[in-house]
Amino acid sequence: MSWDVMVFNYNGLPPNDFADLPEDHKPDPLGPASSVREAISKHLPGVDWSDSAWGIYGGNGFSIEFNAGEKDPIDSIMLHVRGGGDAITPMLQFATPMKWSLFDCSTGEFLDPAAPSQEGWEGFQAFRDKVFEQYREEEGA
C-alpha cells in the first residue's frame, strides 16, 4: 500500500485540469533515462539506482520508490511513497529545479510547489492506519 504520485514534465506549468486537455495530449518527456536518474540524484542524494528502473530513497520515517520503467527517454515516473513524516519536501527537492510537476493520484491534483497540499499524503496515512487497525482487531478476535 502506498501513496502514489506521478512525475510529469510540464516545464513548470501543469494544467489546472486534465479534463481541459485534448485526448491525444502528452506532456514533454522527462528526458533520457540516464539524465533523469542523474538529475534526481543530484537534487536528492541517496537514491539507490541498483535497479535502473526502480530507484529507492529512504527518508526520515518514509521511503520513496521511483518506478521509472524501462523506456528511454522516460515520459513519466510513478512514485510509491510509504511511511510517515515529511515526504513532500524531498519530492519537491528534485522536481522543482527540473520544472517537473507532481500529480497526486489520490486527490487528482498537482502539488503546488509554493504551497503543497498535505491532503493526499495525510489521507493515505489515515487510510493505511485504519486498515491496519481493522486487521489487528480481526486478528485479536
N, C-alpha and C. Protein backbone atom coordinates (compact mmCIF):
# COMPACT_ATOMS: atom_id res chain seq x y z
N MET A 1 0.86 -1.16 0.00
CA MET A 1 0.00 0.00 0.00
C MET A 1 0.91 1.23 0.00
N SER A 2 0.60 2.17 -0.89
CA SER A 2 1.44 3.37 -0.99
C SER A 2 0.61 4.57 -1.42
N TRP A 3 1.16 5.73 -1.17
CA TRP A 3 0.63 6.97 -1.72
C TRP A 3 1.31 7.12 -3.06
N ASP A 4 0.55 7.26 -4.12
CA ASP A 4 1.11 7.32 -5.47
C ASP A 4 1.07 8.73 -6.03
N VAL A 5 2.22 9.15 -6.56
CA VAL A 5 2.39 10.48 -7.13
C VAL A 5 3.10 10.31 -8.47
N MET A 6 2.56 10.91 -9.52
CA MET A 6 3.18 10.85 -10.85
C MET A 6 4.04 12.09 -11.08
N VAL A 7 5.18 11.89 -11.71
CA VAL A 7 6.07 12.98 -12.08
C VAL A 7 5.94 13.20 -13.59
N PHE A 8 5.55 14.41 -13.96
CA PHE A 8 5.38 14.78 -15.38
C PHE A 8 6.24 16.00 -15.68
N ASN A 9 6.51 16.21 -16.97
CA ASN A 9 7.23 17.40 -17.40
C ASN A 9 6.28 18.36 -18.12
N TYR A 10 5.83 19.34 -17.38
CA TYR A 10 5.02 20.43 -17.95
C TYR A 10 5.81 21.73 -17.92
N ASN A 11 7.13 21.61 -17.83
CA ASN A 11 8.02 22.77 -17.82
C ASN A 11 7.60 23.81 -16.79
N GLY A 12 7.17 23.33 -15.63
CA GLY A 12 6.79 24.21 -14.53
C GLY A 12 5.38 24.76 -14.59
N LEU A 13 4.62 24.41 -15.63
CA LEU A 13 3.26 24.94 -15.79
C LEU A 13 2.26 23.81 -16.00
N PRO A 14 1.94 23.05 -14.95
CA PRO A 14 0.99 21.95 -15.13
C PRO A 14 -0.41 22.47 -15.43
N PRO A 15 -1.21 21.67 -16.12
CA PRO A 15 -2.59 22.11 -16.41
C PRO A 15 -3.40 22.18 -15.12
N ASN A 16 -4.41 23.03 -15.11
CA ASN A 16 -5.30 23.12 -13.95
C ASN A 16 -6.17 21.88 -13.85
N ASP A 17 -6.54 21.33 -15.01
CA ASP A 17 -7.45 20.18 -15.01
C ASP A 17 -7.17 19.34 -16.25
N PHE A 18 -6.93 18.05 -16.04
CA PHE A 18 -6.67 17.14 -17.17
C PHE A 18 -7.86 17.11 -18.13
N ALA A 19 -9.05 17.33 -17.62
CA ALA A 19 -10.26 17.29 -18.47
C ALA A 19 -10.23 18.36 -19.54
N ASP A 20 -9.47 19.44 -19.32
CA ASP A 20 -9.39 20.52 -20.30
C ASP A 20 -8.42 20.23 -21.44
N LEU A 21 -7.65 19.15 -21.31
CA LEU A 21 -6.64 18.84 -22.32
C LEU A 21 -7.22 17.97 -23.43
N PRO A 22 -6.69 18.11 -24.65
CA PRO A 22 -7.14 17.22 -25.73
C PRO A 22 -6.81 15.76 -25.40
N GLU A 23 -7.58 14.83 -25.95
CA GLU A 23 -7.38 13.40 -25.67
C GLU A 23 -5.98 12.92 -26.01
N ASP A 24 -5.40 13.44 -27.06
CA ASP A 24 -4.10 12.97 -27.52
C ASP A 24 -2.93 13.74 -26.88
N HIS A 25 -3.23 14.59 -25.91
CA HIS A 25 -2.19 15.39 -25.26
C HIS A 25 -1.21 14.53 -24.49
N LYS A 26 0.07 14.86 -24.62
CA LYS A 26 1.12 14.21 -23.84
C LYS A 26 2.08 15.28 -23.35
N PRO A 27 2.46 15.22 -22.07
CA PRO A 27 3.48 16.16 -21.60
C PRO A 27 4.81 15.83 -22.27
N ASP A 28 5.74 16.77 -22.18
CA ASP A 28 7.08 16.51 -22.70
C ASP A 28 7.72 15.37 -21.91
N PRO A 29 8.63 14.62 -22.53
CA PRO A 29 9.35 13.59 -21.77
C PRO A 29 10.19 14.24 -20.67
N LEU A 30 10.46 13.48 -19.61
CA LEU A 30 11.35 13.97 -18.56
C LEU A 30 12.78 14.04 -19.09
N GLY A 31 13.11 13.12 -20.00
CA GLY A 31 14.44 13.13 -20.61
C GLY A 31 15.00 11.74 -20.76
N PRO A 32 16.23 11.65 -21.29
CA PRO A 32 16.90 10.35 -21.39
C PRO A 32 17.03 9.71 -20.01
N ALA A 33 16.87 8.41 -19.93
CA ALA A 33 16.84 7.71 -18.65
C ALA A 33 18.05 8.03 -17.78
N SER A 34 19.24 7.99 -18.34
CA SER A 34 20.44 8.25 -17.53
C SER A 34 20.45 9.69 -17.01
N SER A 35 20.00 10.63 -17.82
CA SER A 35 19.95 12.04 -17.39
C SER A 35 18.91 12.26 -16.31
N VAL A 36 17.78 11.56 -16.40
CA VAL A 36 16.73 11.69 -15.39
C VAL A 36 17.24 11.15 -14.05
N ARG A 37 17.85 9.97 -14.06
CA ARG A 37 18.40 9.41 -12.82
C ARG A 37 19.47 10.33 -12.22
N GLU A 38 20.31 10.88 -13.09
CA GLU A 38 21.37 11.80 -12.66
C GLU A 38 20.77 13.05 -12.02
N ALA A 39 19.75 13.62 -12.65
CA ALA A 39 19.12 14.84 -12.13
C ALA A 39 18.46 14.59 -10.78
N ILE A 40 17.77 13.47 -10.66
CA ILE A 40 17.13 13.14 -9.38
C ILE A 40 18.19 12.99 -8.30
N SER A 41 19.24 12.25 -8.59
CA SER A 41 20.30 12.02 -7.61
C SER A 41 21.06 13.30 -7.26
N LYS A 42 21.20 14.20 -8.20
CA LYS A 42 21.88 15.48 -7.93
C LYS A 42 21.10 16.29 -6.90
N HIS A 43 19.78 16.33 -7.04
CA HIS A 43 18.95 17.15 -6.16
C HIS A 43 18.44 16.40 -4.94
N LEU A 44 18.49 15.07 -4.99
CA LEU A 44 18.06 14.23 -3.87
C LEU A 44 19.10 13.13 -3.68
N PRO A 45 20.24 13.47 -3.09
CA PRO A 45 21.30 12.48 -2.91
C PRO A 45 20.81 11.29 -2.07
N GLY A 46 21.30 10.12 -2.43
CA GLY A 46 20.97 8.93 -1.64
C GLY A 46 19.98 7.99 -2.31
N VAL A 47 19.52 8.32 -3.51
CA VAL A 47 18.63 7.40 -4.21
C VAL A 47 19.45 6.22 -4.70
N ASP A 48 18.99 5.03 -4.38
CA ASP A 48 19.66 3.79 -4.80
C ASP A 48 19.10 3.38 -6.16
N TRP A 49 19.94 3.47 -7.19
CA TRP A 49 19.55 3.08 -8.55
C TRP A 49 20.16 1.74 -8.93
N SER A 50 20.33 0.83 -7.97
CA SER A 50 20.87 -0.50 -8.28
C SER A 50 20.06 -1.15 -9.40
N ASP A 51 18.76 -0.96 -9.37
CA ASP A 51 17.88 -1.36 -10.46
C ASP A 51 17.48 -0.07 -11.16
N SER A 52 18.00 0.17 -12.35
CA SER A 52 17.80 1.46 -13.02
C SER A 52 16.33 1.79 -13.28
N ALA A 53 15.46 0.80 -13.28
CA ALA A 53 14.04 1.06 -13.49
C ALA A 53 13.31 1.37 -12.19
N TRP A 54 13.93 1.07 -11.03
CA TRP A 54 13.31 1.26 -9.72
C TRP A 54 14.30 1.88 -8.74
N GLY A 55 14.27 3.18 -8.61
CA GLY A 55 15.10 3.83 -7.61
C GLY A 55 14.41 3.78 -6.26
N ILE A 56 15.21 3.76 -5.19
CA ILE A 56 14.65 3.74 -3.83
C ILE A 56 15.37 4.79 -2.99
N TYR A 57 14.57 5.60 -2.31
CA TYR A 57 15.09 6.63 -1.42
C TYR A 57 14.53 6.41 -0.03
N GLY A 58 15.39 6.36 0.96
CA GLY A 58 14.96 6.23 2.35
C GLY A 58 15.09 7.55 3.06
N GLY A 59 13.97 8.11 3.47
CA GLY A 59 13.97 9.37 4.21
C GLY A 59 13.77 9.12 5.69
N ASN A 60 13.49 10.17 6.42
CA ASN A 60 13.28 10.10 7.86
C ASN A 60 11.86 9.61 8.15
N GLY A 61 11.70 8.29 8.26
CA GLY A 61 10.39 7.70 8.55
C GLY A 61 9.57 7.35 7.33
N PHE A 62 10.11 7.52 6.15
CA PHE A 62 9.37 7.21 4.92
C PHE A 62 10.33 6.69 3.85
N SER A 63 9.76 6.11 2.81
CA SER A 63 10.55 5.71 1.65
C SER A 63 9.81 6.14 0.39
N ILE A 64 10.58 6.38 -0.66
CA ILE A 64 10.02 6.72 -1.97
C ILE A 64 10.63 5.75 -2.97
N GLU A 65 9.76 5.03 -3.68
CA GLU A 65 10.21 4.18 -4.79
C GLU A 65 9.94 4.94 -6.08
N PHE A 66 10.94 4.99 -6.93
CA PHE A 66 10.85 5.66 -8.22
C PHE A 66 10.64 4.60 -9.29
N ASN A 67 9.42 4.43 -9.77
CA ASN A 67 9.14 3.47 -10.83
C ASN A 67 9.36 4.18 -12.16
N ALA A 68 10.59 4.12 -12.65
CA ALA A 68 10.96 4.82 -13.88
C ALA A 68 10.69 3.98 -15.12
N GLY A 69 10.52 2.69 -14.97
CA GLY A 69 10.26 1.82 -16.12
C GLY A 69 11.50 1.62 -16.97
N GLU A 70 11.29 0.91 -18.06
CA GLU A 70 12.40 0.55 -18.95
C GLU A 70 12.52 1.47 -20.17
N LYS A 71 11.54 2.36 -20.38
CA LYS A 71 11.55 3.21 -21.57
C LYS A 71 12.68 4.23 -21.52
N ASP A 72 13.17 4.57 -22.70
CA ASP A 72 14.18 5.61 -22.82
C ASP A 72 13.89 6.37 -24.10
N PRO A 73 13.53 7.64 -24.02
CA PRO A 73 13.50 8.51 -22.85
C PRO A 73 12.34 8.17 -21.91
N ILE A 74 12.44 8.70 -20.69
CA ILE A 74 11.40 8.49 -19.68
C ILE A 74 10.32 9.55 -19.86
N ASP A 75 9.07 9.09 -20.03
CA ASP A 75 7.95 10.01 -20.19
C ASP A 75 7.44 10.53 -18.85
N SER A 76 7.39 9.63 -17.86
CA SER A 76 6.89 9.99 -16.53
C SER A 76 7.42 8.96 -15.54
N ILE A 77 7.31 9.28 -14.27
CA ILE A 77 7.73 8.36 -13.21
C ILE A 77 6.59 8.27 -12.21
N MET A 78 6.32 7.06 -11.76
CA MET A 78 5.36 6.86 -10.66
C MET A 78 6.15 6.73 -9.37
N LEU A 79 5.82 7.57 -8.40
CA LEU A 79 6.42 7.48 -7.08
C LEU A 79 5.48 6.71 -6.17
N HIS A 80 6.02 5.74 -5.44
CA HIS A 80 5.27 4.98 -4.45
C HIS A 80 5.86 5.38 -3.10
N VAL A 81 5.07 6.11 -2.31
CA VAL A 81 5.56 6.67 -1.06
C VAL A 81 4.92 5.92 0.10
N ARG A 82 5.76 5.53 1.07
CA ARG A 82 5.28 4.78 2.23
C ARG A 82 5.86 5.37 3.51
N GLY A 83 5.15 5.15 4.61
CA GLY A 83 5.65 5.57 5.92
C GLY A 83 4.94 6.78 6.44
N GLY A 84 5.70 7.68 7.08
CA GLY A 84 5.16 8.90 7.67
C GLY A 84 6.22 9.98 7.60
N GLY A 85 5.98 11.08 8.28
CA GLY A 85 6.95 12.17 8.26
C GLY A 85 6.74 13.05 7.05
N ASP A 86 7.77 13.82 6.71
CA ASP A 86 7.69 14.79 5.62
C ASP A 86 8.26 14.20 4.33
N ALA A 87 7.42 13.60 3.52
CA ALA A 87 7.87 13.03 2.25
C ALA A 87 7.73 14.03 1.10
N ILE A 88 6.94 15.07 1.30
CA ILE A 88 6.68 16.02 0.21
C ILE A 88 7.91 16.89 -0.08
N THR A 89 8.58 17.35 0.96
CA THR A 89 9.75 18.21 0.76
C THR A 89 10.81 17.55 -0.12
N PRO A 90 11.19 16.28 0.11
CA PRO A 90 12.20 15.68 -0.76
C PRO A 90 11.72 15.50 -2.21
N MET A 91 10.42 15.28 -2.38
CA MET A 91 9.91 15.17 -3.75
C MET A 91 10.04 16.51 -4.48
N LEU A 92 9.71 17.58 -3.79
CA LEU A 92 9.86 18.91 -4.38
C LEU A 92 11.32 19.26 -4.58
N GLN A 93 12.19 18.70 -3.74
CA GLN A 93 13.63 18.97 -3.81
C GLN A 93 14.21 18.59 -5.17
N PHE A 94 13.70 17.50 -5.77
CA PHE A 94 14.22 17.13 -7.10
C PHE A 94 13.30 17.64 -8.22
N ALA A 95 12.00 17.73 -7.98
CA ALA A 95 11.07 18.09 -9.05
C ALA A 95 11.12 19.58 -9.39
N THR A 96 11.17 20.43 -8.38
CA THR A 96 11.10 21.88 -8.61
C THR A 96 12.25 22.41 -9.47
N PRO A 97 13.51 22.08 -9.17
CA PRO A 97 14.59 22.62 -10.01
C PRO A 97 14.55 22.11 -11.45
N MET A 98 13.92 20.94 -11.65
CA MET A 98 13.82 20.39 -13.00
C MET A 98 12.57 20.89 -13.74
N LYS A 99 11.72 21.66 -13.03
CA LYS A 99 10.44 22.15 -13.55
C LYS A 99 9.50 21.00 -13.88
N TRP A 100 9.61 19.92 -13.11
CA TRP A 100 8.72 18.78 -13.24
C TRP A 100 7.54 18.98 -12.31
N SER A 101 6.41 18.40 -12.65
CA SER A 101 5.18 18.54 -11.88
C SER A 101 4.85 17.24 -11.19
N LEU A 102 4.33 17.35 -9.95
CA LEU A 102 3.96 16.19 -9.14
C LEU A 102 2.44 16.11 -9.08
N PHE A 103 1.89 15.02 -9.60
CA PHE A 103 0.45 14.81 -9.63
C PHE A 103 0.05 13.81 -8.56
N ASP A 104 -0.73 14.27 -7.60
CA ASP A 104 -1.22 13.43 -6.51
C ASP A 104 -2.36 12.57 -7.04
N CYS A 105 -2.12 11.28 -7.19
CA CYS A 105 -3.13 10.38 -7.77
C CYS A 105 -4.35 10.23 -6.87
N SER A 106 -4.21 10.47 -5.57
CA SER A 106 -5.34 10.30 -4.66
C SER A 106 -6.29 11.50 -4.69
N THR A 107 -5.77 12.70 -4.90
CA THR A 107 -6.63 13.88 -4.94
C THR A 107 -6.97 14.29 -6.36
N GLY A 108 -6.18 13.82 -7.34
CA GLY A 108 -6.40 14.21 -8.73
C GLY A 108 -5.93 15.63 -9.02
N GLU A 109 -4.99 16.11 -8.20
CA GLU A 109 -4.48 17.48 -8.38
C GLU A 109 -2.96 17.50 -8.35
N PHE A 110 -2.40 18.52 -8.99
CA PHE A 110 -0.95 18.72 -8.94
C PHE A 110 -0.59 19.40 -7.62
N LEU A 111 0.56 19.01 -7.07
CA LEU A 111 1.06 19.69 -5.87
C LEU A 111 1.60 21.05 -6.28
N ASP A 112 1.22 22.07 -5.55
CA ASP A 112 1.71 23.43 -5.78
C ASP A 112 3.05 23.55 -5.05
N PRO A 113 4.15 23.74 -5.77
CA PRO A 113 5.45 23.82 -5.10
C PRO A 113 5.53 24.94 -4.06
N ALA A 114 4.77 26.02 -4.26
CA ALA A 114 4.81 27.15 -3.32
C ALA A 114 4.01 26.86 -2.05
N ALA A 115 2.98 26.03 -2.16
CA ALA A 115 2.14 25.70 -1.01
C ALA A 115 1.56 24.31 -1.21
N PRO A 116 2.40 23.28 -1.09
CA PRO A 116 1.94 21.92 -1.39
C PRO A 116 0.89 21.43 -0.38
N SER A 117 -0.17 20.88 -0.91
CA SER A 117 -1.22 20.31 -0.06
C SER A 117 -0.74 19.01 0.55
N GLN A 118 -1.04 18.82 1.81
CA GLN A 118 -0.73 17.58 2.52
C GLN A 118 -1.89 16.59 2.43
N GLU A 119 -2.99 17.00 1.81
CA GLU A 119 -4.23 16.22 1.81
C GLU A 119 -4.04 14.77 1.37
N GLY A 120 -3.40 14.55 0.24
CA GLY A 120 -3.22 13.20 -0.26
C GLY A 120 -2.33 12.35 0.63
N TRP A 121 -1.22 12.92 1.09
CA TRP A 121 -0.27 12.22 1.94
C TRP A 121 -0.90 11.87 3.28
N GLU A 122 -1.57 12.84 3.90
CA GLU A 122 -2.22 12.59 5.18
C GLU A 122 -3.41 11.65 5.02
N GLY A 123 -4.14 11.77 3.92
CA GLY A 123 -5.26 10.87 3.66
C GLY A 123 -4.81 9.43 3.50
N PHE A 124 -3.68 9.24 2.79
CA PHE A 124 -3.12 7.90 2.64
C PHE A 124 -2.77 7.31 4.00
N GLN A 125 -2.09 8.09 4.83
CA GLN A 125 -1.67 7.60 6.14
C GLN A 125 -2.87 7.24 7.02
N ALA A 126 -3.92 8.06 6.97
CA ALA A 126 -5.12 7.79 7.77
C ALA A 126 -5.79 6.50 7.28
N PHE A 127 -5.87 6.32 5.97
CA PHE A 127 -6.49 5.11 5.41
C PHE A 127 -5.66 3.88 5.78
N ARG A 128 -4.34 3.98 5.62
CA ARG A 128 -3.44 2.87 5.95
C ARG A 128 -3.59 2.48 7.42
N ASP A 129 -3.58 3.49 8.30
CA ASP A 129 -3.70 3.22 9.73
C ASP A 129 -5.03 2.56 10.07
N LYS A 130 -6.09 2.98 9.40
CA LYS A 130 -7.42 2.39 9.63
C LYS A 130 -7.43 0.92 9.19
N VAL A 131 -6.85 0.62 8.05
CA VAL A 131 -6.79 -0.76 7.55
C VAL A 131 -6.00 -1.63 8.52
N PHE A 132 -4.84 -1.14 8.97
CA PHE A 132 -4.02 -1.91 9.91
C PHE A 132 -4.76 -2.14 11.23
N GLU A 133 -5.46 -1.12 11.70
CA GLU A 133 -6.20 -1.25 12.95
C GLU A 133 -7.31 -2.30 12.80
N GLN A 134 -8.01 -2.29 11.68
CA GLN A 134 -9.05 -3.29 11.45
C GLN A 134 -8.45 -4.69 11.40
N TYR A 135 -7.30 -4.82 10.78
CA TYR A 135 -6.61 -6.10 10.69
C TYR A 135 -6.24 -6.60 12.10
N ARG A 136 -5.67 -5.68 12.91
CA ARG A 136 -5.28 -6.05 14.27
C ARG A 136 -6.50 -6.51 15.09
N GLU A 137 -7.63 -5.81 14.92
CA GLU A 137 -8.85 -6.18 15.64
C GLU A 137 -9.33 -7.56 15.21
N GLU A 138 -9.28 -7.85 13.90
CA GLU A 138 -9.71 -9.15 13.39
C GLU A 138 -8.78 -10.26 13.89
N GLU A 139 -7.49 -9.98 13.94
CA GLU A 139 -6.53 -10.98 14.41
C GLU A 139 -6.69 -11.23 15.91
N GLY A 140 -7.11 -10.22 16.66
CA GLY A 140 -7.27 -10.37 18.09
C GLY A 140 -8.60 -11.00 18.49
N ALA A 141 -9.53 -11.10 17.55
CA ALA A 141 -10.87 -11.64 17.86
C ALA A 141 -10.88 -13.13 18.09
